[in-house]
Protein backbone atom coordinates (compact mmCIF):
# COMPACT_ATOMS: atom_id res chain seq x y z
CA MET A 1 -63.66 -103.29 71.73
CA SER A 2 -63.96 -104.60 68.38
CA GLU A 3 -60.85 -106.80 66.61
CA SER A 4 -59.03 -104.36 64.13
CA LYS A 5 -59.51 -105.37 60.35
CA PHE A 6 -57.53 -102.41 59.20
CA ILE A 7 -53.82 -101.49 58.62
CA HIS A 8 -53.35 -98.03 59.80
CA PHE A 9 -51.32 -95.53 57.25
CA VAL A 10 -49.74 -92.96 60.05
CA THR A 11 -47.82 -89.94 59.20
CA PHE A 12 -46.43 -87.60 61.65
CA GLY A 13 -43.83 -84.89 61.82
CA VAL A 14 -41.62 -82.83 63.59
CA ASP A 15 -42.71 -79.49 64.70
CA SER A 16 -41.69 -76.41 62.11
CA HIS A 17 -40.34 -79.17 59.75
CA ARG A 18 -37.00 -79.05 61.66
CA ARG A 19 -34.53 -81.93 60.80
CA LEU A 20 -34.38 -83.47 64.04
CA LEU A 21 -34.06 -86.70 62.59
CA ASP A 22 -31.21 -86.35 60.36
CA LEU A 23 -28.58 -87.96 62.93
CA ASP A 24 -28.68 -91.77 63.33
CA GLN A 25 -28.93 -91.71 67.13
CA PRO A 26 -32.47 -89.84 66.81
CA LYS A 27 -33.62 -92.51 64.52
CA ARG A 28 -32.35 -95.15 66.43
CA LEU A 29 -34.38 -93.87 69.70
CA LEU A 30 -37.38 -93.43 67.59
CA LEU A 31 -37.41 -97.05 66.32
CA GLY A 32 -36.78 -97.99 70.07
CA THR A 33 -39.57 -96.40 71.36
CA LEU A 34 -42.00 -98.02 68.30
CA ASN A 35 -40.76 -101.43 69.76
CA HIS A 36 -41.92 -100.77 73.04
CA GLN A 37 -45.06 -99.80 71.91
CA LEU A 38 -45.61 -102.49 69.65
CA GLU A 39 -44.97 -104.83 72.69
CA ALA A 40 -46.82 -102.97 75.02
CA LEU A 41 -50.23 -102.98 72.77
CA ASN A 42 -49.75 -106.37 70.97
CA ALA A 43 -49.35 -104.49 67.98
CA SER A 44 -47.51 -105.02 64.58
CA CYS A 45 -45.52 -103.18 62.08
CA VAL A 46 -46.18 -103.79 58.45
CA GLY A 47 -43.54 -101.10 57.33
CA PHE A 48 -41.87 -97.98 58.20
CA VAL A 49 -39.74 -95.24 56.95
CA ILE A 50 -37.99 -92.37 58.84
CA MET A 51 -37.29 -89.38 57.02
CA PRO A 52 -35.21 -86.03 58.42
CA ASP A 53 -38.50 -84.44 59.51
CA HIS A 54 -41.12 -86.73 59.49
CA VAL A 55 -42.27 -90.42 60.03
CA HIS A 56 -44.73 -93.00 57.95
CA ALA A 57 -45.73 -96.18 59.29
CA LEU A 58 -48.14 -98.90 58.45
CA LEU A 59 -49.50 -100.37 61.85
CA TRP A 60 -51.64 -102.68 63.00
CA VAL A 61 -53.43 -102.61 66.84
CA PRO A 62 -55.93 -105.25 67.98
CA GLN A 63 -58.69 -102.76 68.51
CA VAL A 64 -59.14 -100.09 66.01
CA GLU A 65 -59.44 -97.86 69.23
CA LEU A 66 -55.72 -98.35 70.53
CA ILE A 67 -54.15 -96.24 67.79
CA ASP A 68 -54.43 -92.96 68.92
CA ARG A 69 -52.87 -94.40 72.53
CA PHE A 70 -50.31 -95.83 70.51
CA LEU A 71 -49.33 -92.72 68.68
CA HIS A 72 -49.52 -90.94 71.67
CA GLY A 73 -47.20 -93.18 73.47
CA TRP A 74 -44.76 -93.67 70.52
CA LYS A 75 -44.61 -89.60 70.02
CA ARG A 76 -44.34 -88.83 73.88
CA MET A 77 -41.70 -91.41 74.84
CA SER A 78 -39.52 -90.79 71.77
CA SER A 79 -39.51 -86.80 71.81
CA TYR A 80 -38.48 -87.11 75.56
CA ALA A 81 -35.66 -89.71 74.83
CA ILE A 82 -34.59 -87.74 71.44
CA ARG A 83 -34.55 -84.37 73.35
CA ARG A 84 -32.53 -85.75 76.17
CA TRP A 85 -29.87 -87.28 73.63
CA TYR A 86 -29.46 -83.96 72.01
CA ALA A 87 -29.17 -82.24 75.18
CA GLU A 88 -26.57 -84.60 76.24
CA HIS A 89 -24.61 -85.42 73.40
CA ALA A 90 -25.07 -82.77 70.67
CA PRO A 91 -26.83 -79.29 72.07
CA HIS A 92 -24.97 -77.36 69.36
CA TYR A 93 -27.40 -78.98 66.57
CA PHE A 94 -30.37 -76.80 67.97
CA SER A 95 -28.40 -73.68 67.21
CA LYS A 96 -29.51 -74.30 63.55
CA PHE A 97 -33.28 -73.96 64.10
CA GLY A 98 -33.68 -73.72 67.87
CA MET A 99 -35.09 -76.15 70.24
CA GLY A 100 -38.81 -75.45 70.03
CA LYS A 101 -41.47 -75.76 72.44
CA LYS A 102 -42.69 -79.04 70.77
CA PHE A 103 -41.25 -81.95 69.44
CA TRP A 104 -43.53 -83.46 67.11
CA ARG A 105 -46.31 -81.54 65.37
CA PRO A 106 -49.47 -82.19 67.51
CA ARG A 107 -51.65 -83.89 64.92
CA SER A 108 -50.87 -86.97 63.24
CA PHE A 109 -52.24 -88.26 60.00
CA VAL A 110 -54.06 -91.80 60.51
CA LEU A 111 -55.75 -93.29 57.33
CA PRO A 112 -57.55 -96.80 58.42
CA VAL A 113 -56.60 -99.10 55.36
CA GLU A 114 -58.78 -101.95 54.49
CA LEU A 115 -56.45 -105.23 54.27
CA SER A 116 -55.88 -105.30 50.33
CA ASP A 117 -53.69 -104.41 47.53
CA VAL A 118 -54.05 -100.72 49.05
CA VAL A 119 -51.57 -101.63 52.13
CA ARG A 120 -48.92 -102.77 49.37
CA ILE A 121 -49.60 -99.50 47.74
CA LYS A 122 -48.92 -97.61 50.91
CA LEU A 123 -45.77 -99.54 51.37
CA ASP A 124 -44.27 -98.92 48.36
CA TYR A 125 -45.16 -95.06 48.91
CA ILE A 126 -43.24 -95.12 52.06
CA HIS A 127 -40.21 -96.96 50.95
CA LEU A 128 -39.86 -94.72 47.85
CA ASN A 129 -40.19 -91.70 50.11
CA PRO A 130 -36.03 -91.34 50.36
CA VAL A 131 -35.63 -91.93 46.47
CA ARG A 132 -38.11 -89.31 45.99
CA ALA A 133 -36.36 -87.07 48.42
CA GLY A 134 -32.81 -87.69 47.03
CA LEU A 135 -31.33 -89.36 49.89
CA VAL A 136 -30.62 -92.68 48.33
CA ASP A 137 -30.98 -94.15 44.88
CA ARG A 138 -32.48 -97.05 45.81
CA ALA A 139 -35.09 -97.81 48.57
CA ILE A 140 -33.21 -100.68 50.09
CA ASP A 141 -30.18 -97.93 50.62
CA TRP A 142 -31.96 -96.25 53.13
CA ARG A 143 -31.34 -97.91 56.31
CA TRP A 144 -34.13 -96.46 58.17
CA SER A 145 -37.05 -97.97 56.71
CA SER A 146 -38.58 -101.55 56.55
CA ALA A 147 -37.80 -101.85 52.42
CA ARG A 148 -34.47 -103.99 53.32
CA TYR A 149 -36.72 -106.68 55.23
CA TYR A 150 -39.16 -106.86 52.23
CA ILE A 151 -36.68 -107.06 49.48
CA GLU A 152 -33.45 -108.95 51.17
CA GLY A 153 -35.02 -110.34 54.43
CA ARG A 154 -32.43 -108.15 56.35
CA SER A 155 -33.23 -107.06 59.99
CA VAL A 156 -34.38 -103.36 60.13
CA GLY A 157 -34.50 -102.77 64.00
CA VAL A 158 -38.32 -103.33 64.27
CA PRO A 159 -40.18 -106.51 63.82
CA VAL A 160 -42.01 -106.13 60.58
CA ARG A 161 -44.41 -108.55 60.19
CA TRP A 162 -47.48 -108.61 57.16
CA VAL A 163 -50.87 -108.85 58.78
CA GLU A 164 -53.34 -110.93 57.12
């Protein structure tokens, strides 16, 4: 395996665009499983945003070949944890749009980005996602992204690290 010189711009969404990430606890569970994957694969999160029906992240893994394994684990573990939480604490929530056969859409969009100014452009793009969606007026007001870390140095539930 070769050492990665790329940051991976990753996007994946909830199957059928269901808003299963509207509530705070599913977002917390998603961040918890992200933390687990970062630690398990000695990876780094450069930035992220969790939207009501999709996720964007900038991830670095030690070997390029590990990104698929990283995403598979993150999606598998988070879907299990989030579905279990809904079943135990908010089963009525699925009545709006159904439980669905899958939690996540099967495919993820992964774009390897060389370490450069393009990473900063992608980081700005993901941080402005909640603003463009009308969820907040300013990127730092969205609790579920790394914007507060970059703008104010605040903890965001995941260790964020710029990779040079």
